N, C-alpha and C. Protein backbone atom coordinates (compact mmCIF):
# COMPACT_ATOMS: atom_id res chain seq x y z
N MET A 1 8.32 -32.30 16.46
CA MET A 1 7.21 -31.90 15.61
C MET A 1 6.77 -30.47 15.92
N LYS A 2 6.71 -30.14 17.20
CA LYS A 2 6.31 -28.78 17.58
C LYS A 2 7.29 -27.75 17.05
N ASN A 3 8.57 -28.09 17.03
CA ASN A 3 9.59 -27.17 16.53
C ASN A 3 9.42 -26.91 15.03
N ILE A 4 9.07 -27.94 14.29
CA ILE A 4 8.86 -27.78 12.85
C ILE A 4 7.68 -26.87 12.58
N ILE A 5 6.61 -27.05 13.29
CA ILE A 5 5.43 -26.20 13.12
C ILE A 5 5.76 -24.75 13.50
N PHE A 6 6.48 -24.56 14.60
CA PHE A 6 6.86 -23.22 15.04
C PHE A 6 7.72 -22.52 13.98
N VAL A 7 8.71 -23.22 13.43
CA VAL A 7 9.57 -22.64 12.39
C VAL A 7 8.76 -22.32 11.14
N ALA A 8 7.87 -23.19 10.75
CA ALA A 8 7.03 -22.94 9.58
C ALA A 8 6.18 -21.70 9.77
N LEU A 9 5.63 -21.53 10.96
CA LEU A 9 4.82 -20.34 11.23
C LEU A 9 5.67 -19.08 11.22
N LEU A 10 6.86 -19.14 11.73
CA LEU A 10 7.76 -17.98 11.71
C LEU A 10 8.12 -17.58 10.29
N VAL A 11 8.38 -18.56 9.46
CA VAL A 11 8.76 -18.28 8.07
C VAL A 11 7.59 -17.74 7.27
N LEU A 12 6.42 -18.28 7.48
CA LEU A 12 5.26 -17.89 6.67
C LEU A 12 4.50 -16.69 7.22
N SER A 13 4.64 -16.35 8.48
CA SER A 13 3.82 -15.31 9.08
C SER A 13 3.99 -13.93 8.46
N PRO A 14 5.18 -13.48 8.02
CA PRO A 14 5.25 -12.15 7.42
C PRO A 14 4.43 -12.02 6.15
N PHE A 15 4.20 -13.13 5.47
CA PHE A 15 3.49 -13.08 4.22
C PHE A 15 1.98 -13.26 4.38
N SER A 16 1.56 -13.73 5.51
CA SER A 16 0.15 -14.07 5.68
C SER A 16 -0.74 -12.86 5.91
N PHE A 17 -0.17 -11.72 6.24
CA PHE A 17 -0.98 -10.56 6.55
C PHE A 17 -0.98 -9.51 5.44
N ALA A 18 -0.18 -9.67 4.43
CA ALA A 18 -0.12 -8.70 3.35
C ALA A 18 -1.28 -8.91 2.38
N THR A 19 -1.80 -7.81 1.88
CA THR A 19 -2.85 -7.87 0.88
C THR A 19 -2.26 -8.35 -0.44
N ASP A 20 -3.06 -9.00 -1.26
CA ASP A 20 -2.61 -9.36 -2.59
C ASP A 20 -2.33 -8.09 -3.38
N ALA A 21 -1.27 -8.12 -4.18
CA ALA A 21 -0.94 -6.97 -5.02
C ALA A 21 -2.00 -6.83 -6.12
N ILE A 22 -2.32 -5.57 -6.44
CA ILE A 22 -3.24 -5.30 -7.54
C ILE A 22 -2.56 -4.36 -8.53
N THR A 23 -2.97 -4.43 -9.77
CA THR A 23 -2.50 -3.51 -10.80
C THR A 23 -3.65 -2.56 -11.09
N THR A 24 -3.37 -1.25 -11.03
CA THR A 24 -4.40 -0.24 -11.18
C THR A 24 -3.80 1.05 -11.71
N LYS A 25 -4.60 2.09 -11.79
CA LYS A 25 -4.13 3.41 -12.21
C LYS A 25 -4.39 4.42 -11.10
N VAL A 26 -3.49 5.40 -10.98
CA VAL A 26 -3.65 6.48 -10.01
C VAL A 26 -4.58 7.52 -10.62
N LEU A 27 -5.66 7.85 -9.92
CA LEU A 27 -6.61 8.84 -10.40
C LEU A 27 -6.35 10.22 -9.81
N GLU A 28 -6.05 10.27 -8.51
CA GLU A 28 -5.83 11.54 -7.83
C GLU A 28 -4.82 11.35 -6.71
N THR A 29 -4.11 12.42 -6.38
CA THR A 29 -3.22 12.44 -5.23
C THR A 29 -3.48 13.73 -4.47
N GLY A 30 -3.22 13.71 -3.18
CA GLY A 30 -3.39 14.92 -2.39
C GLY A 30 -2.78 14.75 -1.02
N ILE A 31 -2.74 15.84 -0.28
CA ILE A 31 -2.19 15.83 1.08
C ILE A 31 -3.16 16.57 1.98
N TYR A 32 -3.52 15.92 3.09
CA TYR A 32 -4.36 16.56 4.09
C TYR A 32 -3.55 17.61 4.86
N GLY A 33 -4.23 18.46 5.57
CA GLY A 33 -3.57 19.48 6.38
C GLY A 33 -2.64 18.91 7.44
N ASN A 34 -2.90 17.69 7.88
CA ASN A 34 -2.02 17.07 8.88
C ASN A 34 -0.82 16.36 8.26
N GLY A 35 -0.69 16.44 6.93
CA GLY A 35 0.45 15.85 6.25
C GLY A 35 0.23 14.44 5.73
N THR A 36 -0.93 13.87 5.97
CA THR A 36 -1.22 12.53 5.47
C THR A 36 -1.39 12.57 3.95
N LEU A 37 -0.69 11.69 3.26
CA LEU A 37 -0.79 11.58 1.80
C LEU A 37 -1.97 10.69 1.46
N LEU A 38 -2.76 11.10 0.48
CA LEU A 38 -3.83 10.23 0.00
C LEU A 38 -3.65 9.99 -1.49
N ILE A 39 -3.88 8.78 -1.89
CA ILE A 39 -3.80 8.38 -3.29
C ILE A 39 -5.08 7.63 -3.62
N ILE A 40 -5.79 8.13 -4.61
CA ILE A 40 -7.03 7.47 -5.06
C ILE A 40 -6.71 6.72 -6.34
N VAL A 41 -7.08 5.44 -6.36
CA VAL A 41 -6.80 4.59 -7.51
C VAL A 41 -8.09 4.12 -8.16
N ASN A 42 -7.96 3.55 -9.32
CA ASN A 42 -9.11 3.14 -10.12
C ASN A 42 -9.83 1.90 -9.58
N ASP A 43 -9.12 1.05 -8.89
CA ASP A 43 -9.69 -0.23 -8.46
C ASP A 43 -9.70 -0.35 -6.94
N GLU A 44 -10.57 -1.21 -6.46
CA GLU A 44 -10.68 -1.45 -5.03
C GLU A 44 -9.47 -2.22 -4.52
N ILE A 45 -8.95 -1.80 -3.38
CA ILE A 45 -7.83 -2.45 -2.72
C ILE A 45 -8.41 -3.39 -1.66
N PRO A 46 -8.15 -4.68 -1.76
CA PRO A 46 -8.79 -5.65 -0.86
C PRO A 46 -8.10 -5.80 0.50
N GLU A 47 -7.86 -4.70 1.19
CA GLU A 47 -7.23 -4.76 2.51
C GLU A 47 -8.27 -5.19 3.54
N PRO A 48 -8.02 -6.27 4.27
CA PRO A 48 -8.99 -6.73 5.28
C PRO A 48 -9.31 -5.63 6.30
N GLY A 49 -10.59 -5.38 6.50
CA GLY A 49 -11.03 -4.39 7.49
C GLY A 49 -11.17 -2.98 6.97
N CYS A 50 -10.66 -2.70 5.77
CA CYS A 50 -10.77 -1.33 5.26
C CYS A 50 -10.66 -1.29 3.73
N THR A 51 -11.41 -2.12 3.07
CA THR A 51 -11.38 -2.18 1.61
C THR A 51 -11.85 -0.85 1.03
N GLY A 52 -11.17 -0.39 0.00
CA GLY A 52 -11.57 0.84 -0.68
C GLY A 52 -10.61 1.15 -1.80
N ASN A 53 -10.83 2.29 -2.47
CA ASN A 53 -9.97 2.66 -3.59
C ASN A 53 -9.05 3.84 -3.24
N ARG A 54 -8.81 4.03 -1.95
CA ARG A 54 -7.96 5.12 -1.50
C ARG A 54 -6.93 4.59 -0.51
N ILE A 55 -5.69 5.07 -0.66
CA ILE A 55 -4.62 4.73 0.27
C ILE A 55 -4.29 6.00 1.05
N ASP A 56 -4.22 5.90 2.36
CA ASP A 56 -3.75 6.99 3.21
C ASP A 56 -2.40 6.59 3.79
N ILE A 57 -1.42 7.47 3.66
CA ILE A 57 -0.08 7.19 4.16
C ILE A 57 0.30 8.30 5.14
N PRO A 58 0.64 7.94 6.39
CA PRO A 58 0.93 8.96 7.39
C PRO A 58 2.18 9.77 7.05
N LYS A 59 2.20 11.02 7.47
CA LYS A 59 3.35 11.89 7.17
C LYS A 59 4.63 11.37 7.81
N SER A 60 4.53 10.50 8.78
CA SER A 60 5.71 9.94 9.44
C SER A 60 6.38 8.83 8.62
N HIS A 61 5.73 8.37 7.55
CA HIS A 61 6.31 7.29 6.74
C HIS A 61 7.60 7.81 6.11
N PRO A 62 8.72 7.09 6.26
CA PRO A 62 10.01 7.59 5.76
C PRO A 62 10.10 7.74 4.24
N ASP A 63 9.24 7.05 3.50
CA ASP A 63 9.29 7.12 2.04
C ASP A 63 8.12 7.89 1.44
N ILE A 64 7.47 8.74 2.22
CA ILE A 64 6.28 9.43 1.72
C ILE A 64 6.59 10.27 0.47
N LYS A 65 7.73 10.93 0.43
CA LYS A 65 8.08 11.74 -0.74
C LYS A 65 8.32 10.87 -1.97
N ASN A 66 8.95 9.72 -1.77
CA ASN A 66 9.19 8.80 -2.89
C ASN A 66 7.87 8.24 -3.42
N ILE A 67 6.98 7.88 -2.52
CA ILE A 67 5.68 7.34 -2.93
C ILE A 67 4.88 8.41 -3.67
N LEU A 68 4.90 9.65 -3.17
CA LEU A 68 4.22 10.75 -3.84
C LEU A 68 4.79 10.96 -5.24
N SER A 69 6.11 10.93 -5.38
CA SER A 69 6.73 11.09 -6.69
C SER A 69 6.30 10.01 -7.67
N LEU A 70 6.29 8.77 -7.20
CA LEU A 70 5.85 7.67 -8.05
C LEU A 70 4.38 7.81 -8.44
N ALA A 71 3.55 8.21 -7.49
CA ALA A 71 2.12 8.37 -7.77
C ALA A 71 1.88 9.49 -8.78
N LEU A 72 2.58 10.60 -8.63
CA LEU A 72 2.42 11.72 -9.57
C LEU A 72 2.91 11.34 -10.97
N ALA A 73 4.03 10.63 -11.05
CA ALA A 73 4.55 10.20 -12.35
C ALA A 73 3.59 9.23 -13.03
N ALA A 74 3.04 8.31 -12.26
CA ALA A 74 2.09 7.34 -12.82
C ALA A 74 0.81 8.03 -13.28
N SER A 75 0.34 8.99 -12.50
CA SER A 75 -0.87 9.72 -12.86
C SER A 75 -0.65 10.54 -14.12
N ALA A 76 0.46 11.26 -14.19
CA ALA A 76 0.75 12.12 -15.35
C ALA A 76 0.93 11.32 -16.63
N SER A 77 1.52 10.13 -16.52
CA SER A 77 1.79 9.33 -17.71
C SER A 77 0.66 8.36 -18.06
N GLY A 78 -0.27 8.18 -17.13
CA GLY A 78 -1.34 7.21 -17.35
C GLY A 78 -0.88 5.77 -17.22
N SER A 79 0.30 5.58 -16.63
CA SER A 79 0.86 4.23 -16.47
C SER A 79 0.20 3.49 -15.31
N ASP A 80 0.32 2.19 -15.35
CA ASP A 80 -0.18 1.35 -14.27
C ASP A 80 0.76 1.40 -13.07
N VAL A 81 0.21 1.14 -11.91
CA VAL A 81 0.99 0.91 -10.70
C VAL A 81 0.57 -0.43 -10.13
N VAL A 82 1.50 -1.06 -9.44
CA VAL A 82 1.21 -2.28 -8.71
C VAL A 82 1.27 -1.91 -7.23
N LEU A 83 0.18 -2.19 -6.51
CA LEU A 83 0.07 -1.82 -5.10
C LEU A 83 -0.12 -3.04 -4.23
N ARG A 84 0.47 -2.97 -3.06
CA ARG A 84 0.17 -3.94 -2.01
C ARG A 84 0.19 -3.15 -0.70
N THR A 85 -0.93 -3.12 -0.03
CA THR A 85 -1.03 -2.38 1.22
C THR A 85 -0.90 -3.33 2.40
N HIS A 86 -0.73 -2.73 3.57
CA HIS A 86 -0.59 -3.54 4.78
C HIS A 86 -1.11 -2.74 5.96
N GLY A 87 -2.36 -2.98 6.32
CA GLY A 87 -2.96 -2.29 7.45
C GLY A 87 -3.94 -1.21 7.03
N CYS A 88 -4.51 -0.57 8.04
CA CYS A 88 -5.52 0.47 7.83
C CYS A 88 -5.11 1.75 8.56
N LEU A 89 -5.48 2.88 8.00
CA LEU A 89 -5.26 4.18 8.63
C LEU A 89 -6.53 5.00 8.42
N GLY A 90 -7.21 5.32 9.50
CA GLY A 90 -8.44 6.11 9.39
C GLY A 90 -9.50 5.45 8.54
N GLY A 91 -9.56 4.13 8.54
CA GLY A 91 -10.57 3.41 7.77
C GLY A 91 -10.20 3.16 6.32
N ASN A 92 -8.97 3.50 5.93
CA ASN A 92 -8.52 3.29 4.55
C ASN A 92 -7.25 2.44 4.55
N PRO A 93 -7.02 1.70 3.45
CA PRO A 93 -5.77 0.94 3.35
C PRO A 93 -4.57 1.87 3.48
N THR A 94 -3.48 1.34 4.04
CA THR A 94 -2.25 2.13 4.19
C THR A 94 -1.04 1.27 3.85
N MET A 95 0.09 1.91 3.78
CA MET A 95 1.36 1.23 3.56
C MET A 95 2.21 1.39 4.81
N ASP A 96 2.74 0.27 5.30
CA ASP A 96 3.63 0.36 6.45
C ASP A 96 5.08 0.40 5.97
N GLU A 97 6.02 0.28 6.90
CA GLU A 97 7.43 0.41 6.57
C GLU A 97 8.11 -0.94 6.33
N THR A 98 7.33 -1.98 6.09
CA THR A 98 7.89 -3.31 5.86
C THR A 98 7.81 -3.67 4.38
N ASN A 99 8.37 -4.83 4.06
CA ASN A 99 8.28 -5.34 2.69
C ASN A 99 6.90 -5.87 2.36
N ASN A 100 5.98 -5.82 3.30
CA ASN A 100 4.61 -6.23 3.03
C ASN A 100 3.89 -5.18 2.17
N SER A 101 4.39 -3.96 2.15
CA SER A 101 3.81 -2.88 1.35
C SER A 101 4.63 -2.69 0.08
N LEU A 102 3.92 -2.30 -0.99
CA LEU A 102 4.61 -2.12 -2.27
C LEU A 102 3.91 -1.04 -3.08
N PHE A 103 4.68 -0.16 -3.71
CA PHE A 103 4.15 0.80 -4.69
C PHE A 103 5.11 0.77 -5.85
N LEU A 104 4.72 0.15 -6.95
CA LEU A 104 5.57 -0.06 -8.11
C LEU A 104 4.99 0.68 -9.31
N PHE A 105 5.79 1.55 -9.90
CA PHE A 105 5.40 2.30 -11.10
C PHE A 105 5.77 1.43 -12.30
N ARG A 106 4.77 1.08 -13.10
CA ARG A 106 4.97 0.19 -14.25
C ARG A 106 4.83 0.99 -15.53
N LYS A 107 5.91 1.05 -16.31
CA LYS A 107 5.89 1.78 -17.59
C LYS A 107 5.04 1.07 -18.61
């Protein structure tokens, strides 16, 4: 019985910490002097411990250029994006390098 519970927790644990995905619009994008990317969206992101309408992504994130490109395209076209953040950076929701984070440009 203990083994079944342990396996169930292992299988479900990656999904238990991700924020629910939201559909929203990108309002503004920018980069701080330290290289951190910021994206301001129309709706509140319900990330536990740092709810807000801004995502901060560290310059060390391997996909920062791809995320910036998607955010700029969504902003310019007025298209929706689907976001799922995972964690906090400087008091704001952030995206990590796992599948728990998502930035989807929706035409």
